[in-house]
């Protein structure tokens, strides 16, 4: 499992996420189970999960 932590400004209410790759190089057939976006600032932590289940 790979985990990427990115600090960014507030993204607001998310409805969709676009993930892509150029297919170049070895190991380009990776499987994406889900994307989890967490907003941790403020009083309550919020989490949005986008199920993918695709190669």
PDB file of N, CA and C in Angstrom:
ATOM      1  N   UNK A   1       0.836  -1.157   0.000  1.00  0.00           N
ATOM      2  CA  UNK A   1       0.000   0.000   0.000  1.00  0.00           C
ATOM      3  C   UNK A   1       0.890   1.233   0.000  1.00  0.00           C
ATOM      4  N   UNK A   2       0.565   2.190  -0.851  1.00  0.00           N
ATOM      5  CA  UNK A   2       1.273   3.465  -0.882  1.00  0.00           C
ATOM      6  C   UNK A   2       0.389   4.523  -0.251  1.00  0.00           C
ATOM      7  N   UNK A   3       0.992   5.382   0.543  1.00  0.00           N
ATOM      8  CA  UNK A   3       0.274   6.482   1.165  1.00  0.00           C
ATOM      9  C   UNK A   3       1.017   7.763   0.834  1.00  0.00           C
ATOM     10  N   UNK A   4       0.288   8.761   0.367  1.00  0.00           N
ATOM     11  CA  UNK A   4       0.866  10.052   0.041  1.00  0.00           C
ATOM     12  C   UNK A   4       0.182  11.108   0.894  1.00  0.00           C
ATOM     13  N   UNK A   5       0.960  11.881   1.627  1.00  0.00           N
ATOM     14  CA  UNK A   5       0.417  12.972   2.439  1.00  0.00           C
ATOM     15  C   UNK A   5       0.783  14.284   1.763  1.00  0.00           C
ATOM     16  N   UNK A   6      -0.231  15.068   1.466  1.00  0.00           N
ATOM     17  CA  UNK A   6      -0.026  16.338   0.782  1.00  0.00           C
ATOM     18  C   UNK A   6      -0.715  17.428   1.586  1.00  0.00           C
ATOM     19  N   UNK A   7       0.035  18.447   1.960  1.00  0.00           N
ATOM     20  CA  UNK A   7      -0.568  19.583   2.651  1.00  0.00           C
ATOM     21  C   UNK A   7      -1.037  20.572   1.597  1.00  0.00           C
ATOM     22  N   UNK A   8      -2.282  21.015   1.738  1.00  0.00           N
ATOM     23  CA  UNK A   8      -2.849  21.933   0.756  1.00  0.00           C
ATOM     24  C   UNK A   8      -3.881  22.821   1.433  1.00  0.00           C
ATOM     25  N   UNK A   9      -4.283  23.846   0.734  1.00  0.00           N
ATOM     26  CA  UNK A   9      -5.376  24.685   1.223  1.00  0.00           C
ATOM     27  C   UNK A   9      -6.650  23.856   1.217  1.00  0.00           C
ATOM     28  N   UNK A  10      -7.665  24.310   1.890  1.00  0.00           N
ATOM     29  CA  UNK A  10      -8.931  23.585   1.933  1.00  0.00           C
ATOM     30  C   UNK A  10      -9.469  23.386   0.522  1.00  0.00           C
ATOM     31  N   UNK A  11      -9.890  22.173   0.214  1.00  0.00           N
ATOM     32  CA  UNK A  11     -10.408  21.847  -1.111  1.00  0.00           C
ATOM     33  C   UNK A  11     -11.920  22.004  -1.198  1.00  0.00           C
ATOM     34  N   UNK A  12     -12.560  22.330  -0.100  1.00  0.00           N
ATOM     35  CA  UNK A  12     -14.014  22.469  -0.096  1.00  0.00           C
ATOM     36  C   UNK A  12     -14.680  21.105  -0.184  1.00  0.00           C
ATOM     37  N   UNK A  13     -15.951  21.096  -0.577  1.00  0.00           N
ATOM     38  CA  UNK A  13     -16.686  19.838  -0.714  1.00  0.00           C
ATOM     39  C   UNK A  13     -16.289  19.153  -2.015  1.00  0.00           C
ATOM     40  N   UNK A  14     -15.753  17.946  -1.922  1.00  0.00           N
ATOM     41  CA  UNK A  14     -15.294  17.212  -3.098  1.00  0.00           C
ATOM     42  C   UNK A  14     -16.399  16.319  -3.640  1.00  0.00           C
ATOM     43  N   UNK A  15     -16.520  16.268  -4.958  1.00  0.00           N
ATOM     44  CA  UNK A  15     -17.501  15.412  -5.616  1.00  0.00           C
ATOM     45  C   UNK A  15     -16.848  14.321  -6.445  1.00  0.00           C
ATOM     46  N   UNK A  16     -15.651  14.594  -6.984  1.00  0.00           N
ATOM     47  CA  UNK A  16     -14.956  13.590  -7.788  1.00  0.00           C
ATOM     48  C   UNK A  16     -13.464  13.883  -7.789  1.00  0.00           C
ATOM     49  N   UNK A  17     -12.695  12.855  -8.141  1.00  0.00           N
ATOM     50  CA  UNK A  17     -11.240  12.949  -8.231  1.00  0.00           C
ATOM     51  C   UNK A  17     -10.826  12.265  -9.523  1.00  0.00           C
ATOM     52  N   UNK A  18      -9.903  12.860 -10.269  1.00  0.00           N
ATOM     53  CA  UNK A  18      -9.393  12.272 -11.507  1.00  0.00           C
ATOM     54  C   UNK A  18      -7.963  11.803 -11.264  1.00  0.00           C
ATOM     55  N   UNK A  19      -7.725  10.515 -11.488  1.00  0.00           N
ATOM     56  CA  UNK A  19      -6.396   9.916 -11.351  1.00  0.00           C
ATOM     57  C   UNK A  19      -6.031   9.292 -12.692  1.00  0.00           C
ATOM     58  N   UNK A  20      -4.802   9.527 -13.159  1.00  0.00           N
ATOM     59  CA  UNK A  20      -4.375   8.932 -14.431  1.00  0.00           C
ATOM     60  C   UNK A  20      -2.865   8.707 -14.398  1.00  0.00           C
ATOM     61  N   UNK A  21      -2.377   7.954 -15.394  1.00  0.00           N
ATOM     62  CA  UNK A  21      -0.941   7.789 -15.596  1.00  0.00           C
ATOM     63  C   UNK A  21      -0.699   7.621 -17.086  1.00  0.00           C
ATOM     64  N   UNK A  22       0.551   7.794 -17.503  1.00  0.00           N
ATOM     65  CA  UNK A  22       0.861   7.754 -18.934  1.00  0.00           C
ATOM     66  C   UNK A  22       1.178   6.357 -19.447  1.00  0.00           C
ATOM     67  N   UNK A  23       1.196   5.339 -18.572  1.00  0.00           N
ATOM     68  CA  UNK A  23       1.437   3.965 -19.010  1.00  0.00           C
ATOM     69  C   UNK A  23       2.886   3.662 -19.338  1.00  0.00           C
ATOM     70  N   UNK A  24       3.786   4.592 -19.082  1.00  0.00           N
ATOM     71  CA  UNK A  24       5.200   4.386 -19.407  1.00  0.00           C
ATOM     72  C   UNK A  24       5.924   3.694 -18.257  1.00  0.00           C
ATOM     73  N   UNK A  25       6.924   2.939 -18.589  1.00  0.00           N
ATOM     74  CA  UNK A  25       7.791   2.341 -17.586  1.00  0.00           C
ATOM     75  C   UNK A  25       7.291   1.024 -17.044  1.00  0.00           C
ATOM     76  N   UNK A  26       8.174   0.331 -16.346  1.00  0.00           N
ATOM     77  CA  UNK A  26       7.794  -0.958 -15.754  1.00  0.00           C
ATOM     78  C   UNK A  26       6.842  -0.752 -14.575  1.00  0.00           C
ATOM     79  N   UNK A  27       5.985  -1.716 -14.355  1.00  0.00           N
ATOM     80  CA  UNK A  27       5.062  -1.643 -13.224  1.00  0.00           C
ATOM     81  C   UNK A  27       3.950  -0.643 -13.411  1.00  0.00           C
ATOM     82  N   UNK A  28       3.565  -0.415 -14.671  1.00  0.00           N
ATOM     83  CA  UNK A  28       2.537   0.591 -14.920  1.00  0.00           C
ATOM     84  C   UNK A  28       1.117   0.052 -14.750  1.00  0.00           C
ATOM     85  N   UNK A  29       0.960  -1.229 -14.413  1.00  0.00           N
ATOM     86  CA  UNK A  29      -0.369  -1.804 -14.251  1.00  0.00           C
ATOM     87  C   UNK A  29      -0.800  -1.869 -12.797  1.00  0.00           C
ATOM     88  N   UNK A  30      -0.694  -0.787 -12.063  1.00  0.00           N
ATOM     89  CA  UNK A  30      -1.024  -0.792 -10.644  1.00  0.00           C
ATOM     90  C   UNK A  30      -2.525  -0.775 -10.420  1.00  0.00           C
ATOM     91  N   UNK A  31      -2.923  -1.290  -9.265  1.00  0.00           N
ATOM     92  CA  UNK A  31      -4.330  -1.369  -8.875  1.00  0.00           C
ATOM     93  C   UNK A  31      -4.628  -0.263  -7.867  1.00  0.00           C
ATOM     94  N   UNK A  32      -5.714   0.453  -8.092  1.00  0.00           N
ATOM     95  CA  UNK A  32      -6.131   1.514  -7.173  1.00  0.00           C
ATOM     96  C   UNK A  32      -7.399   1.076  -6.461  1.00  0.00           C
ATOM     97  N   UNK A  33      -7.273   0.790  -5.186  1.00  0.00           N
ATOM     98  CA  UNK A  33      -8.400   0.338  -4.371  1.00  0.00           C
ATOM     99  C   UNK A  33      -9.324   1.501  -4.040  1.00  0.00           C
ATOM    100  N   UNK A  34      -8.756   2.559  -3.469  1.00  0.00           N
ATOM    101  CA  UNK A  34      -9.570   3.704  -3.076  1.00  0.00           C
ATOM    102  C   UNK A  34      -8.689   4.920  -2.859  1.00  0.00           C
ATOM    103  N   UNK A  35      -9.324   6.071  -2.825  1.00  0.00           N
ATOM    104  CA  UNK A  35      -8.660   7.324  -2.492  1.00  0.00           C
ATOM    105  C   UNK A  35      -9.330   7.841  -1.226  1.00  0.00           C
ATOM    106  N   UNK A  36      -8.525   8.157  -0.230  1.00  0.00           N
ATOM    107  CA  UNK A  36      -9.051   8.700   1.022  1.00  0.00           C
ATOM    108  C   UNK A  36      -8.467  10.098   1.196  1.00  0.00           C
ATOM    109  N   UNK A  37      -9.337  11.081   1.320  1.00  0.00           N
ATOM    110  CA  UNK A  37      -8.903  12.457   1.532  1.00  0.00           C
ATOM    111  C   UNK A  37      -9.368  12.872   2.921  1.00  0.00           C
ATOM    112  N   UNK A  38      -8.400  13.296   3.741  1.00  0.00           N
ATOM    113  CA  UNK A  38      -8.712  13.688   5.117  1.00  0.00           C
ATOM    114  C   UNK A  38      -8.448  15.173   5.310  1.00  0.00           C
ATOM    115  N   UNK A  39      -9.381  15.840   5.923  1.00  0.00           N
ATOM    116  CA  UNK A  39      -9.219  17.240   6.311  1.00  0.00           C
ATOM    117  C   UNK A  39      -9.083  17.244   7.821  1.00  0.00           C
ATOM    118  N   UNK A  40      -7.922  17.620   8.332  1.00  0.00           N
ATOM    119  CA  UNK A  40      -7.648  17.456   9.757  1.00  0.00           C
ATOM    120  C   UNK A  40      -7.624  18.758  10.541  1.00  0.00           C
ATOM    121  N   UNK A  41      -7.822  19.888   9.886  1.00  0.00           N
ATOM    122  CA  UNK A  41      -7.820  21.153  10.616  1.00  0.00           C
ATOM    123  C   UNK A  41      -9.219  21.458  11.131  1.00  0.00           C
ATOM    124  N   UNK A  42      -9.286  22.237  12.176  1.00  0.00           N
ATOM    125  CA  UNK A  42     -10.580  22.593  12.743  1.00  0.00           C
ATOM    126  C   UNK A  42     -10.957  21.657  13.871  1.00  0.00           C
ATOM    127  N   UNK A  43     -12.186  21.777  14.316  1.00  0.00           N
ATOM    128  CA  UNK A  43     -12.643  21.005  15.471  1.00  0.00           C
ATOM    129  C   UNK A  43     -12.840  19.535  15.162  1.00  0.00           C
ATOM    130  N   UNK A  44     -13.363  19.225  13.987  1.00  0.00           N
ATOM    131  CA  UNK A  44     -13.655  17.830  13.637  1.00  0.00           C
ATOM    132  C   UNK A  44     -12.872  17.417  12.397  1.00  0.00           C
ATOM    133  N   UNK A  45     -12.251  16.256  12.460  1.00  0.00           N
ATOM    134  CA  UNK A  45     -11.576  15.716  11.277  1.00  0.00           C
ATOM    135  C   UNK A  45     -12.635  15.191  10.318  1.00  0.00           C
ATOM    136  N   UNK A  46     -12.472  15.482   9.039  1.00  0.00           N
ATOM    137  CA  UNK A  46     -13.407  15.010   8.023  1.00  0.00           C
ATOM    138  C   UNK A  46     -12.668  14.097   7.067  1.00  0.00           C
ATOM    139  N   UNK A  47     -13.362  13.089   6.550  1.00  0.00           N
ATOM    140  CA  UNK A  47     -12.767  12.121   5.637  1.00  0.00           C
ATOM    141  C   UNK A  47     -13.732  11.856   4.493  1.00  0.00           C
ATOM    142  N   UNK A  48     -13.209  11.892   3.269  1.00  0.00           N
ATOM    143  CA  UNK A  48     -13.988  11.565   2.078  1.00  0.00           C
ATOM    144  C   UNK A  48     -13.311  10.373   1.423  1.00  0.00           C
ATOM    145  N   UNK A  49     -14.081   9.334   1.107  1.00  0.00           N
ATOM    146  CA  UNK A  49     -13.541   8.125   0.491  1.00  0.00           C
ATOM    147  C   UNK A  49     -14.139   7.976  -0.901  1.00  0.00           C
ATOM    148  N   UNK A  50     -13.260   7.806  -1.894  1.00  0.00           N
ATOM    149  CA  UNK A  50     -13.673   7.541  -3.265  1.00  0.00           C
ATOM    150  C   UNK A  50     -13.255   6.113  -3.607  1.00  0.00           C
ATOM    151  N   UNK A  51     -14.185   5.138  -3.606  1.00  0.00           N
ATOM    152  CA  UNK A  51     -13.829   3.776  -3.997  1.00  0.00           C
ATOM    153  C   UNK A  51     -13.483   3.739  -5.487  1.00  0.00           C
ATOM    154  N   UNK A  52     -12.455   3.001  -5.867  1.00  0.00           N
ATOM    155  CA  UNK A  52     -12.038   2.923  -7.273  1.00  0.00           C
ATOM    156  C   UNK A  52     -12.092   1.483  -7.783  1.00  0.00           C
ATOM    157  N   UNK A  53     -11.336   0.588  -7.134  1.00  0.00           N
ATOM    158  CA  UNK A  53     -11.300  -0.823  -7.520  1.00  0.00           C
ATOM    159  C   UNK A  53     -10.993  -1.034  -9.001  1.00  0.00           C
ATOM    160  N   UNK A  54      -9.930  -0.397  -9.477  1.00  0.00           N
ATOM    161  CA  UNK A  54      -9.549  -0.495 -10.892  1.00  0.00           C
ATOM    162  C   UNK A  54      -8.038  -0.556 -11.065  1.00  0.00           C
ATOM    163  N   UNK A  55      -7.639  -1.176 -12.180  1.00  0.00           N
ATOM    164  CA  UNK A  55      -6.231  -1.155 -12.595  1.00  0.00           C
ATOM    165  C   UNK A  55      -5.998   0.047 -13.446  1.00  0.00           C
TER     166      UNK A  55
END
